[in-house]
């Protein structure tokens, strides 16, 4: 029998009649589709039914082998096309370049686990409970402005028991009646700026705008509500010096001499604070002055008429007791280098 005859015979339909229910069944079945009774070929177990089953199984195996071969060829073809597209291999016409496929060439090396360290910003919140206001001076004698709109400097002597350099703080002050003194008249906490290193004492200055001059403050009522630290200030010192002289009709104008021991410059317009402290108590102070120019790193700086104060009573008797501090708020409270 030729191959074409064999294929034609596969699709010819013979039937086996069920001996129980009489249903015509396909000869490839061993049991009746209707009642399940065993089907018996008239010619025996080796009759045309079994032969037809064997022929169909052989044909199916050939088709399966052909299908598998076509599938493998298709997969190889797709892999080669992808390799050309990605550049892993060069086409044979590309100057004789190697056509070897290195399937692992572009395999990414496993990356080592990386620990991301989030650095704290130089200027950041700190623990206000580490601070204590030891003394203060509300310098109403040097208040600026007029009736209904006064600005007064509040000089504070502050202790820091924490482990960070504090450059600013918010605090509440109450008058003798127990009412909170408002900053800028809006009820907000007062804001002081300066430098107090860990385990040390230092000067801070706040400015308060008030409609009333000469508010009597209960200094025992101070409550520090927030603090700001600057990690860059750990190795920084506010430039310090002394009052180098005074002059004018009433000797109300004061000259200063200060030295910047830091490796960074000090900004022009930085605040000049002159203060006389005795046994942790501010005896007299003034914070109305400003630098007329910046101070270079390591430079000694002289300025005439650095501040004016008609009520510096103790200076005549104790001129050597006064210290001058320069508070550079731009550096202390800014995240950028100066």
C-alpha atoms as a PDB file:
ATOM      1  CA  UNK A   1       0.000   0.000   0.000  1.00  0.00           C
ATOM      2  CA  UNK A   2       1.399   3.396  -1.003  1.00  0.00           C
ATOM      3  CA  UNK A   3       1.699   6.322   1.403  1.00  0.00           C
ATOM      4  CA  UNK A   4      -1.164   8.209  -0.260  1.00  0.00           C
ATOM      5  CA  UNK A   5      -3.346   5.112  -0.044  1.00  0.00           C
ATOM      6  CA  UNK A   6      -2.487   4.735   3.623  1.00  0.00           C
ATOM      7  CA  UNK A   7      -3.441   8.387   4.340  1.00  0.00           C
ATOM      8  CA  UNK A   8      -6.676   8.015   2.384  1.00  0.00           C
ATOM      9  CA  UNK A   9      -7.528   4.863   4.303  1.00  0.00           C
ATOM     10  CA  UNK A  10      -7.028   6.656   7.594  1.00  0.00           C
ATOM     11  CA  UNK A  11      -9.969   8.878   6.884  1.00  0.00           C
ATOM     12  CA  UNK A  12     -12.286   6.182   5.568  1.00  0.00           C
ATOM     13  CA  UNK A  13     -15.041   5.458   8.057  1.00  0.00           C
ATOM     14  CA  UNK A  14     -15.746   1.822   9.088  1.00  0.00           C
ATOM     15  CA  UNK A  15     -18.051   1.030  11.943  1.00  0.00           C
ATOM     16  CA  UNK A  16     -18.437  -1.593  14.617  1.00  0.00           C
ATOM     17  CA  UNK A  17     -22.006  -2.354  15.679  1.00  0.00           C
ATOM     18  CA  UNK A  18     -22.519  -2.654  19.404  1.00  0.00           C
ATOM     19  CA  UNK A  19     -23.769  -6.146  20.258  1.00  0.00           C
ATOM     20  CA  UNK A  20     -25.867  -4.754  23.095  1.00  0.00           C
ATOM     21  CA  UNK A  21     -27.542  -1.530  21.844  1.00  0.00           C
ATOM     22  CA  UNK A  22     -26.818  -1.750  18.114  1.00  0.00           C
ATOM     23  CA  UNK A  23     -25.027   1.674  17.872  1.00  0.00           C
ATOM     24  CA  UNK A  24     -22.500   2.044  15.056  1.00  0.00           C
ATOM     25  CA  UNK A  25     -19.148   2.926  16.690  1.00  0.00           C
ATOM     26  CA  UNK A  26     -15.851   4.045  15.212  1.00  0.00           C
ATOM     27  CA  UNK A  27     -13.607   0.973  14.931  1.00  0.00           C
ATOM     28  CA  UNK A  28     -10.885   2.666  16.978  1.00  0.00           C
ATOM     29  CA  UNK A  29     -13.087   2.440  20.117  1.00  0.00           C
ATOM     30  CA  UNK A  30     -12.914  -0.625  22.340  1.00  0.00           C
ATOM     31  CA  UNK A  31     -16.179   0.193  24.134  1.00  0.00           C
ATOM     32  CA  UNK A  32     -19.524   1.477  22.945  1.00  0.00           C
ATOM     33  CA  UNK A  33     -20.022   5.222  23.181  1.00  0.00           C
ATOM     34  CA  UNK A  34     -23.691   4.719  24.040  1.00  0.00           C
ATOM     35  CA  UNK A  35     -23.885   1.881  26.555  1.00  0.00           C
ATOM     36  CA  UNK A  36     -20.224   1.113  27.326  1.00  0.00           C
ATOM     37  CA  UNK A  37     -20.387  -2.521  26.227  1.00  0.00           C
ATOM     38  CA  UNK A  38     -17.162  -4.075  24.880  1.00  0.00           C
ATOM     39  CA  UNK A  39     -16.975  -3.973  21.105  1.00  0.00           C
ATOM     40  CA  UNK A  40     -15.793  -7.088  19.365  1.00  0.00           C
ATOM     41  CA  UNK A  41     -14.514  -7.020  15.816  1.00  0.00           C
ATOM     42  CA  UNK A  42     -15.977  -9.735  13.702  1.00  0.00           C
ATOM     43  CA  UNK A  43     -12.446 -10.632  12.608  1.00  0.00           C
ATOM     44  CA  UNK A  44     -11.060 -10.798  16.199  1.00  0.00           C
ATOM     45  CA  UNK A  45      -8.696  -8.690  18.183  1.00  0.00           C
ATOM     46  CA  UNK A  46      -6.330  -8.362  15.282  1.00  0.00           C
ATOM     47  CA  UNK A  47      -9.041  -7.321  12.916  1.00  0.00           C
ATOM     48  CA  UNK A  48      -9.469  -4.046  10.954  1.00  0.00           C
ATOM     49  CA  UNK A  49     -10.449  -2.078  14.072  1.00  0.00           C
ATOM     50  CA  UNK A  50      -7.141  -2.632  15.747  1.00  0.00           C
ATOM     51  CA  UNK A  51      -5.236  -2.235  12.498  1.00  0.00           C
ATOM     52  CA  UNK A  52      -6.986   1.078  11.829  1.00  0.00           C
ATOM     53  CA  UNK A  53      -6.092   2.279  15.357  1.00  0.00           C
ATOM     54  CA  UNK A  54      -2.445   1.352  14.836  1.00  0.00           C
ATOM     55  CA  UNK A  55      -2.343   3.180  11.518  1.00  0.00           C
ATOM     56  CA  UNK A  56      -3.835   6.363  12.995  1.00  0.00           C
ATOM     57  CA  UNK A  57      -1.465   6.305  15.963  1.00  0.00           C
ATOM     58  CA  UNK A  58       1.519   5.900  13.604  1.00  0.00           C
ATOM     59  CA  UNK A  59       0.323   8.827  11.479  1.00  0.00           C
ATOM     60  CA  UNK A  60      -0.230  10.980  14.546  1.00  0.00           C
ATOM     61  CA  UNK A  61       3.330  10.229  15.739  1.00  0.00           C
ATOM     62  CA  UNK A  62       4.728  11.363  12.381  1.00  0.00           C
ATOM     63  CA  UNK A  63       2.725  14.564  12.485  1.00  0.00           C
ATOM     64  CA  UNK A  64       3.935  15.197  16.058  1.00  0.00           C
ATOM     65  CA  UNK A  65       7.576  14.719  15.032  1.00  0.00           C
ATOM     66  CA  UNK A  66       7.133  17.077  12.106  1.00  0.00           C
ATOM     67  CA  UNK A  67       5.467  19.652  14.394  1.00  0.00           C
ATOM     68  CA  UNK A  68       8.229  19.442  16.944  1.00  0.00           C
ATOM     69  CA  UNK A  69      10.881  19.880  14.286  1.00  0.00           C
ATOM     70  CA  UNK A  70       9.120  22.960  12.886  1.00  0.00           C
ATOM     71  CA  UNK A  71       8.779  24.439  16.382  1.00  0.00           C
ATOM     72  CA  UNK A  72      12.525  24.017  17.086  1.00  0.00           C
ATOM     73  CA  UNK A  73      13.433  25.642  13.766  1.00  0.00           C
ATOM     74  CA  UNK A  74      11.079  28.552  14.507  1.00  0.00           C
ATOM     75  CA  UNK A  75      12.585  29.108  17.976  1.00  0.00           C
ATOM     76  CA  UNK A  76      16.162  29.083  16.593  1.00  0.00           C
ATOM     77  CA  UNK A  77      15.170  31.533  13.861  1.00  0.00           C
ATOM     78  CA  UNK A  78      13.611  33.941  16.377  1.00  0.00           C
ATOM     79  CA  UNK A  79      16.734  33.769  18.588  1.00  0.00           C
ATOM     80  CA  UNK A  80      19.011  34.578  15.652  1.00  0.00           C
ATOM     81  CA  UNK A  81      16.828  37.539  14.616  1.00  0.00           C
ATOM     82  CA  UNK A  82      16.847  38.874  18.176  1.00  0.00           C
ATOM     83  CA  UNK A  83      20.656  38.507  18.349  1.00  0.00           C
ATOM     84  CA  UNK A  84      21.066  40.519  15.138  1.00  0.00           C
ATOM     85  CA  UNK A  85      18.710  43.230  16.417  1.00  0.00           C
ATOM     86  CA  UNK A  86      20.511  43.612  19.761  1.00  0.00           C
ATOM     87  CA  UNK A  87      23.997  43.590  18.240  1.00  0.00           C
ATOM     88  CA  UNK A  88      25.114  40.439  20.060  1.00  0.00           C
ATOM     89  CA  UNK A  89      26.198  38.980  16.705  1.00  0.00           C
ATOM     90  CA  UNK A  90      27.174  40.627  13.459  1.00  0.00           C
ATOM     91  CA  UNK A  91      25.677  39.621  10.120  1.00  0.00           C
ATOM     92  CA  UNK A  92      28.010  37.604   7.850  1.00  0.00           C
ATOM     93  CA  UNK A  93      28.240  40.571   5.477  1.00  0.00           C
ATOM     94  CA  UNK A  94      29.535  42.887   8.232  1.00  0.00           C
ATOM     95  CA  UNK A  95      33.203  42.847   7.305  1.00  0.00           C
ATOM     96  CA  UNK A  96      33.712  39.272   8.369  1.00  0.00           C
ATOM     97  CA  UNK A  97      32.886  40.030  12.000  1.00  0.00           C
ATOM     98  CA  UNK A  98      32.433  37.096  14.311  1.00  0.00           C
ATOM     99  CA  UNK A  99      28.928  35.665  14.317  1.00  0.00           C
ATOM    100  CA  UNK A 100      29.315  33.858  17.591  1.00  0.00           C
ATOM    101  CA  UNK A 101      26.415  34.301  19.959  1.00  0.00           C
ATOM    102  CA  UNK A 102      27.416  34.977  23.520  1.00  0.00           C
ATOM    103  CA  UNK A 103      24.119  34.756  25.315  1.00  0.00           C
ATOM    104  CA  UNK A 104      25.708  35.737  28.615  1.00  0.00           C
ATOM    105  CA  UNK A 105      27.671  38.725  27.293  1.00  0.00           C
ATOM    106  CA  UNK A 106      25.092  41.236  28.372  1.00  0.00           C
ATOM    107  CA  UNK A 107      23.985  39.436  31.501  1.00  0.00           C
ATOM    108  CA  UNK A 108      23.947  41.969  34.287  1.00  0.00           C
ATOM    109  CA  UNK A 109      26.281  41.247  37.151  1.00  0.00           C
ATOM    110  CA  UNK A 110      24.359  40.895  40.402  1.00  0.00           C
ATOM    111  CA  UNK A 111      24.693  44.177  42.236  1.00  0.00           C
ATOM    112  CA  UNK A 112      25.833  44.199  45.814  1.00  0.00           C
ATOM    113  CA  UNK A 113      23.251  45.442  48.245  1.00  0.00           C
ATOM    114  CA  UNK A 114      23.812  49.116  48.927  1.00  0.00           C
ATOM    115  CA  UNK A 115      23.065  50.810  52.212  1.00  0.00           C
ATOM    116  CA  UNK A 116      21.646  54.272  51.604  1.00  0.00           C
ATOM    117  CA  UNK A 117      22.823  56.668  54.274  1.00  0.00           C
ATOM    118  CA  UNK A 118      20.627  59.730  54.615  1.00  0.00           C
ATOM    119  CA  UNK A 119      22.811  62.517  55.882  1.00  0.00           C
ATOM    120  CA  UNK A 120      21.258  64.987  58.229  1.00  0.00           C
ATOM    121  CA  UNK A 121      21.104  68.551  56.947  1.00  0.00           C
ATOM    122  CA  UNK A 122      23.630  70.881  58.638  1.00  0.00           C
ATOM    123  CA  UNK A 123      20.767  72.955  60.036  1.00  0.00           C
ATOM    124  CA  UNK A 124      18.157  70.756  61.710  1.00  0.00           C
ATOM    125  CA  UNK A 125      15.798  70.649  64.702  1.00  0.00           C
ATOM    126  CA  UNK A 126      17.300  69.920  68.112  1.00  0.00           C
ATOM    127  CA  UNK A 127      16.112  69.128  71.612  1.00  0.00           C
ATOM    128  CA  UNK A 128      14.946  72.355  73.306  1.00  0.00           C
ATOM    129  CA  UNK A 129      15.051  70.747  76.762  1.00  0.00           C
ATOM    130  CA  UNK A 130      18.866  70.922  76.648  1.00  0.00           C
ATOM    131  CA  UNK A 131      18.729  74.737  76.839  1.00  0.00           C
ATOM    132  CA  UNK A 132      18.213  77.096  79.753  1.00  0.00           C
ATOM    133  CA  UNK A 133      18.022  80.907  79.754  1.00  0.00           C
ATOM    134  CA  UNK A 134      20.264  82.069  82.592  1.00  0.00           C
ATOM    135  CA  UNK A 135      19.760  85.812  82.198  1.00  0.00           C
ATOM    136  CA  UNK A 136      18.309  88.395  79.812  1.00  0.00           C
ATOM    137  CA  UNK A 137      18.297  92.106  79.057  1.00  0.00           C
ATOM    138  CA  UNK A 138      15.319  93.789  77.383  1.00  0.00           C
ATOM    139  CA  UNK A 139      17.191  96.820  76.076  1.00  0.00           C
ATOM    140  CA  UNK A 140      14.323  99.331  76.036  1.00  0.00           C
ATOM    141  CA  UNK A 141      16.835 102.213  76.308  1.00  0.00           C
ATOM    142  CA  UNK A 142      17.913 101.435  72.756  1.00  0.00           C
ATOM    143  CA  UNK A 143      14.458 100.608  71.373  1.00  0.00           C
ATOM    144  CA  UNK A 144      13.799 101.833  67.834  1.00  0.00           C
ATOM    145  CA  UNK A 145      10.593 103.173  66.357  1.00  0.00           C
ATOM    146  CA  UNK A 146       7.927 105.357  67.896  1.00  0.00           C
ATOM    147  CA  UNK A 147       4.606 105.341  69.630  1.00  0.00           C
ATOM    148  CA  UNK A 148       2.671 102.143  68.909  1.00  0.00           C
ATOM    149  CA  UNK A 149       5.518 100.504  66.948  1.00  0.00           C
ATOM    150  CA  UNK A 150       8.642  99.794  68.972  1.00  0.00           C
ATOM    151  CA  UNK A 151      11.402  97.296  68.245  1.00  0.00           C
ATOM    152  CA  UNK A 152      13.436  96.147  71.207  1.00  0.00           C
ATOM    153  CA  UNK A 153      16.509  93.874  71.323  1.00  0.00           C
ATOM    154  CA  UNK A 154      16.398  91.056  73.847  1.00  0.00           C
ATOM    155  CA  UNK A 155      19.894  89.813  74.742  1.00  0.00           C
ATOM    156  CA  UNK A 156      19.920  86.322  76.261  1.00  0.00           C
ATOM    157  CA  UNK A 157      22.618  84.390  78.107  1.00  0.00           C
ATOM    158  CA  UNK A 158      21.923  80.711  77.438  1.00  0.00           C
ATOM    159  CA  UNK A 159      23.363  77.417  78.738  1.00  0.00           C
ATOM    160  CA  UNK A 160      23.465  74.306  76.566  1.00  0.00           C
ATOM    161  CA  UNK A 161      23.565  70.916  78.282  1.00  0.00           C
ATOM    162  CA  UNK A 162      23.055  68.987  75.041  1.00  0.00           C
ATOM    163  CA  UNK A 163      25.523  67.505  72.565  1.00  0.00           C
ATOM    164  CA  UNK A 164      24.842  69.769  69.562  1.00  0.00           C
ATOM    165  CA  UNK A 165      25.770  73.345  68.702  1.00  0.00           C
ATOM    166  CA  UNK A 166      22.564  75.381  68.995  1.00  0.00           C
ATOM    167  CA  UNK A 167      22.159  78.359  66.668  1.00  0.00           C
ATOM    168  CA  UNK A 168      18.538  79.388  67.241  1.00  0.00           C
ATOM    169  CA  UNK A 169      15.608  78.838  69.570  1.00  0.00           C
ATOM    170  CA  UNK A 170      11.961  79.753  69.973  1.00  0.00           C
ATOM    171  CA  UNK A 171      10.779  80.751  73.406  1.00  0.00           C
ATOM    172  CA  UNK A 172       7.811  82.211  75.239  1.00  0.00           C
ATOM    173  CA  UNK A 173       8.124  85.138  77.642  1.00  0.00           C
ATOM    174  CA  UNK A 174       5.310  86.369  79.864  1.00  0.00           C
ATOM    175  CA  UNK A 175       4.720  89.780  81.377  1.00  0.00           C
ATOM    176  CA  UNK A 176       3.951  90.385  85.043  1.00  0.00           C
ATOM    177  CA  UNK A 177       0.277  89.713  84.370  1.00  0.00           C
ATOM    178  CA  UNK A 178       1.097  86.275  82.961  1.00  0.00           C
ATOM    179  CA  UNK A 179       0.303  87.137  79.333  1.00  0.00           C
ATOM    180  CA  UNK A 180       2.664  85.918  76.608  1.00  0.00           C
ATOM    181  CA  UNK A 181       4.664  88.680  74.920  1.00  0.00           C
ATOM    182  CA  UNK A 182       3.965  88.586  71.194  1.00  0.00           C
ATOM    183  CA  UNK A 183       6.672  88.669  68.533  1.00  0.00           C
ATOM    184  CA  UNK A 184       5.650  91.065  65.742  1.00  0.00           C
ATOM    185  CA  UNK A 185       2.362  91.459  67.555  1.00  0.00           C
ATOM    186  CA  UNK A 186       0.927  88.152  66.267  1.00  0.00           C
ATOM    187  CA  UNK A 187       1.301  86.015  69.354  1.00  0.00           C
ATOM    188  CA  UNK A 188       4.065  83.854  67.878  1.00  0.00           C
ATOM    189  CA  UNK A 189       6.947  82.630  70.077  1.00  0.00           C
ATOM    190  CA  UNK A 190      10.002  84.872  70.254  1.00  0.00           C
ATOM    191  CA  UNK A 191      12.967  83.805  68.116  1.00  0.00           C
ATOM    192  CA  UNK A 192      16.570  84.091  69.284  1.00  0.00           C
ATOM    193  CA  UNK A 193      19.700  83.621  67.140  1.00  0.00           C
ATOM    194  CA  UNK A 194      23.294  83.095  68.259  1.00  0.00           C
ATOM    195  CA  UNK A 195      25.676  80.262  69.078  1.00  0.00           C
ATOM    196  CA  UNK A 196      25.780  78.073  72.166  1.00  0.00           C
ATOM    197  CA  UNK A 197      28.108  75.087  71.926  1.00  0.00           C
ATOM    198  CA  UNK A 198      27.559  71.794  73.765  1.00  0.00           C
ATOM    199  CA  UNK A 199      28.297  72.101  77.470  1.00  0.00           C
ATOM    200  CA  UNK A 200      28.923  75.839  77.185  1.00  0.00           C
ATOM    201  CA  UNK A 201      27.146  79.168  77.605  1.00  0.00           C
ATOM    202  CA  UNK A 202      26.592  81.707  74.878  1.00  0.00           C
ATOM    203  CA  UNK A 203      24.788  84.788  73.634  1.00  0.00           C
ATOM    204  CA  UNK A 204      21.576  84.864  71.618  1.00  0.00           C
ATOM    205  CA  UNK A 205      19.580  87.874  70.452  1.00  0.00           C
ATOM    206  CA  UNK A 206      15.871  88.235  69.695  1.00  0.00           C
ATOM    207  CA  UNK A 207      14.008  91.233  68.302  1.00  0.00           C
ATOM    208  CA  UNK A 208      10.522  91.977  69.530  1.00  0.00           C
ATOM    209  CA  UNK A 209       8.074  94.441  68.029  1.00  0.00           C
ATOM    210  CA  UNK A 210       5.657  95.921  70.531  1.00  0.00           C
ATOM    211  CA  UNK A 211       3.022  98.610  70.612  1.00  0.00           C
ATOM    212  CA  UNK A 212       3.991  99.373  74.188  1.00  0.00           C
ATOM    213  CA  UNK A 213       7.391 100.508  75.375  1.00  0.00           C
ATOM    214  CA  UNK A 214       8.891  99.150  78.580  1.00  0.00           C
ATOM    215  CA  UNK A 215       7.011  95.879  79.018  1.00  0.00           C
ATOM    216  CA  UNK A 216       7.926  94.338  82.348  1.00  0.00           C
ATOM    217  CA  UNK A 217       8.817  90.720  81.713  1.00  0.00           C
ATOM    218  CA  UNK A 218       8.774  87.960  84.288  1.00  0.00           C
ATOM    219  CA  UNK A 219      12.164  86.404  83.502  1.00  0.00           C
ATOM    220  CA  UNK A 220      11.249  83.292  85.475  1.00  0.00           C
ATOM    221  CA  UNK A 221       8.489  82.567  82.964  1.00  0.00           C
ATOM    222  CA  UNK A 222      10.739  81.735  80.004  1.00  0.00           C
ATOM    223  CA  UNK A 223       9.716  78.560  78.184  1.00  0.00           C
ATOM    224  CA  UNK A 224      11.880  77.285  75.325  1.00  0.00           C
ATOM    225  CA  UNK A 225       9.631  75.578  72.783  1.00  0.00           C
ATOM    226  CA  UNK A 226      11.996  74.760  69.905  1.00  0.00           C
ATOM    227  CA  UNK A 227      15.695  74.689  69.103  1.00  0.00           C
ATOM    228  CA  UNK A 228      17.815  74.563  65.947  1.00  0.00           C
ATOM    229  CA  UNK A 229      21.257  72.972  65.661  1.00  0.00           C
ATOM    230  CA  UNK A 230      23.940  73.385  62.987  1.00  0.00           C
ATOM    231  CA  UNK A 231      26.512  70.608  62.629  1.00  0.00           C
ATOM    232  CA  UNK A 232      28.863  73.011  60.814  1.00  0.00           C
ATOM    233  CA  UNK A 233      28.963  75.236  63.889  1.00  0.00           C
ATOM    234  CA  UNK A 234      30.688  72.589  66.017  1.00  0.00           C
ATOM    235  CA  UNK A 235      34.077  73.961  64.922  1.00  0.00           C
ATOM    236  CA  UNK A 236      32.908  77.544  64.535  1.00  0.00           C
ATOM    237  CA  UNK A 237      33.192  80.435  67.005  1.00  0.00           C
ATOM    238  CA  UNK A 238      31.426  83.751  66.835  1.00  0.00           C
ATOM    239  CA  UNK A 239      34.128  86.377  66.209  1.00  0.00           C
ATOM    240  CA  UNK A 240      34.937  88.076  69.514  1.00  0.00           C
ATOM    241  CA  UNK A 241      36.695  91.179  70.652  1.00  0.00           C
ATOM    242  CA  UNK A 242      36.269  94.285  72.763  1.00  0.00           C
ATOM    243  CA  UNK A 243      35.147  97.886  72.734  1.00  0.00           C
ATOM    244  CA  UNK A 244      38.227  99.764  71.553  1.00  0.00           C
ATOM    245  CA  UNK A 245      36.967 103.252  72.453  1.00  0.00           C
ATOM    246  CA  UNK A 246      34.083 105.679  72.511  1.00  0.00           C
ATOM    247  CA  UNK A 247      33.629 109.254  71.331  1.00  0.00           C
ATOM    248  CA  UNK A 248      31.078 111.889  70.416  1.00  0.00           C
ATOM    249  CA  UNK A 249      29.651 114.809  72.364  1.00  0.00           C
ATOM    250  CA  UNK A 250      28.455 112.452  75.076  1.00  0.00           C
ATOM    251  CA  UNK A 251      30.792 109.565  74.271  1.00  0.00           C
ATOM    252  CA  UNK A 252      27.788 107.651  72.986  1.00  0.00           C
ATOM    253  CA  UNK A 253      29.457 106.190  69.878  1.00  0.00           C
ATOM    254  CA  UNK A 254      31.488 103.023  70.383  1.00  0.00           C
ATOM    255  CA  UNK A 255      34.296 101.500  68.319  1.00  0.00           C
ATOM    256  CA  UNK A 256      35.054  97.780  68.252  1.00  0.00           C
ATOM    257  CA  UNK A 257      37.963  95.456  67.505  1.00  0.00           C
ATOM    258  CA  UNK A 258      37.204  91.790  66.777  1.00  0.00           C
ATOM    259  CA  UNK A 259      39.061  88.812  65.320  1.00  0.00           C
ATOM    260  CA  UNK A 260      37.623  86.129  63.059  1.00  0.00           C
ATOM    261  CA  UNK A 261      39.413  82.909  64.028  1.00  0.00           C
ATOM    262  CA  UNK A 262      37.330  80.766  61.669  1.00  0.00           C
ATOM    263  CA  UNK A 263      38.299  79.457  58.253  1.00  0.00           C
ATOM    264  CA  UNK A 264      35.207  81.062  56.714  1.00  0.00           C
ATOM    265  CA  UNK A 265      34.411  84.719  56.165  1.00  0.00           C
ATOM    266  CA  UNK A 266      31.851  86.619  58.208  1.00  0.00           C
ATOM    267  CA  UNK A 267      29.000  88.352  56.387  1.00  0.00           C
ATOM    268  CA  UNK A 268      28.591  92.103  56.233  1.00  0.00           C
ATOM    269  CA  UNK A 269      25.587  93.367  58.226  1.00  0.00           C
ATOM    270  CA  UNK A 270      26.157  90.669  60.875  1.00  0.00           C
ATOM    271  CA  UNK A 271      24.894  91.718  64.295  1.00  0.00           C
ATOM    272  CA  UNK A 272      27.317  93.279  66.798  1.00  0.00           C
ATOM    273  CA  UNK A 273      26.555  92.557  70.470  1.00  0.00           C
ATOM    274  CA  UNK A 274      28.385  94.227  73.364  1.00  0.00           C
ATOM    275  CA  UNK A 275      27.695  92.682  76.773  1.00  0.00           C
ATOM    276  CA  UNK A 276      28.873  92.849  80.377  1.00  0.00           C
ATOM    277  CA  UNK A 277      28.220  89.568  82.222  1.00  0.00           C
ATOM    278  CA  UNK A 278      28.888  89.004  85.907  1.00  0.00           C
ATOM    279  CA  UNK A 279      28.177  85.697  87.642  1.00  0.00           C
ATOM    280  CA  UNK A 280      25.952  84.463  84.777  1.00  0.00           C
ATOM    281  CA  UNK A 281      23.901  87.658  84.917  1.00  0.00           C
ATOM    282  CA  UNK A 282      23.780  90.251  82.145  1.00  0.00           C
ATOM    283  CA  UNK A 283      24.604  93.585  83.783  1.00  0.00           C
ATOM    284  CA  UNK A 284      24.407  95.676  80.611  1.00  0.00           C
ATOM    285  CA  UNK A 285      24.253  95.017  76.888  1.00  0.00           C
ATOM    286  CA  UNK A 286      23.642  96.513  73.458  1.00  0.00           C
ATOM    287  CA  UNK A 287      22.757  94.765  70.185  1.00  0.00           C
ATOM    288  CA  UNK A 288      22.010  97.682  67.889  1.00  0.00           C
ATOM    289  CA  UNK A 289      25.280  97.524  65.938  1.00  0.00           C
ATOM    290  CA  UNK A 290      26.034  95.873  62.586  1.00  0.00           C
ATOM    291  CA  UNK A 291      29.225  95.182  60.662  1.00  0.00           C
ATOM    292  CA  UNK A 292      29.916  97.730  57.963  1.00  0.00           C
ATOM    293  CA  UNK A 293      31.851  95.131  55.950  1.00  0.00           C
ATOM    294  CA  UNK A 294      32.546  91.407  55.952  1.00  0.00           C
ATOM    295  CA  UNK A 295      35.485  89.920  57.839  1.00  0.00           C
ATOM    296  CA  UNK A 296      37.829  87.548  56.036  1.00  0.00           C
ATOM    297  CA  UNK A 297      38.906  84.260  57.579  1.00  0.00           C
ATOM    298  CA  UNK A 298      41.607  84.820  60.193  1.00  0.00           C
ATOM    299  CA  UNK A 299      41.327  88.612  59.925  1.00  0.00           C
ATOM    300  CA  UNK A 300      41.302  91.173  62.725  1.00  0.00           C
ATOM    301  CA  UNK A 301      38.659  93.805  62.126  1.00  0.00           C
ATOM    302  CA  UNK A 302      38.308  97.363  63.378  1.00  0.00           C
ATOM    303  CA  UNK A 303      35.177  99.475  63.044  1.00  0.00           C
ATOM    304  CA  UNK A 304      34.464 102.952  64.258  1.00  0.00           C
ATOM    305  CA  UNK A 305      30.971 103.886  65.369  1.00  0.00           C
ATOM    306  CA  UNK A 306      29.952 100.230  65.441  1.00  0.00           C
ATOM    307  CA  UNK A 307      26.990 101.077  67.683  1.00  0.00           C
ATOM    308  CA  UNK A 308      25.353 103.945  69.506  1.00  0.00           C
ATOM    309  CA  UNK A 309      24.051 103.758  73.083  1.00  0.00           C
ATOM    310  CA  UNK A 310      23.355 106.826  75.236  1.00  0.00           C
ATOM    311  CA  UNK A 311      22.773 104.713  78.337  1.00  0.00           C
ATOM    312  CA  UNK A 312      25.896 102.577  78.633  1.00  0.00           C
ATOM    313  CA  UNK A 313      26.299 103.537  82.257  1.00  0.00           C
ATOM    314  CA  UNK A 314      28.771 100.917  83.449  1.00  0.00           C
ATOM    315  CA  UNK A 315      31.272 101.314  80.640  1.00  0.00           C
ATOM    316  CA  UNK A 316      32.975 104.309  82.205  1.00  0.00           C
ATOM    317  CA  UNK A 317      33.727 102.317  85.346  1.00  0.00           C
ATOM    318  CA  UNK A 318      34.320  98.873  83.849  1.00  0.00           C
ATOM    319  CA  UNK A 319      35.402  99.257  80.208  1.00  0.00           C
ATOM    320  CA  UNK A 320      37.436  96.019  80.350  1.00  0.00           C
ATOM    321  CA  UNK A 321      34.412  93.970  81.431  1.00  0.00           C
ATOM    322  CA  UNK A 322      32.619  94.247  78.126  1.00  0.00           C
ATOM    323  CA  UNK A 323      32.947  91.625  75.406  1.00  0.00           C
ATOM    324  CA  UNK A 324      31.924  92.064  71.816  1.00  0.00           C
ATOM    325  CA  UNK A 325      30.374  89.186  69.815  1.00  0.00           C
ATOM    326  CA  UNK A 326      29.547  89.118  66.113  1.00  0.00           C
ATOM    327  CA  UNK A 327      26.529  86.945  65.243  1.00  0.00           C
ATOM    328  CA  UNK A 328      26.494  85.939  61.567  1.00  0.00           C
ATOM    329  CA  UNK A 329      22.936  84.679  61.130  1.00  0.00           C
ATOM    330  CA  UNK A 330      23.474  83.893  57.441  1.00  0.00           C
ATOM    331  CA  UNK A 331      26.176  81.364  58.289  1.00  0.00           C
ATOM    332  CA  UNK A 332      24.721  80.008  61.513  1.00  0.00           C
ATOM    333  CA  UNK A 333      21.203  79.457  60.241  1.00  0.00           C
ATOM    334  CA  UNK A 334      21.907  78.779  56.567  1.00  0.00           C
ATOM    335  CA  UNK A 335      22.680  75.384  54.979  1.00  0.00           C
ATOM    336  CA  UNK A 336      25.082  76.788  52.390  1.00  0.00           C
ATOM    337  CA  UNK A 337      28.734  77.694  52.874  1.00  0.00           C
ATOM    338  CA  UNK A 338      29.602  81.352  53.031  1.00  0.00           C
END
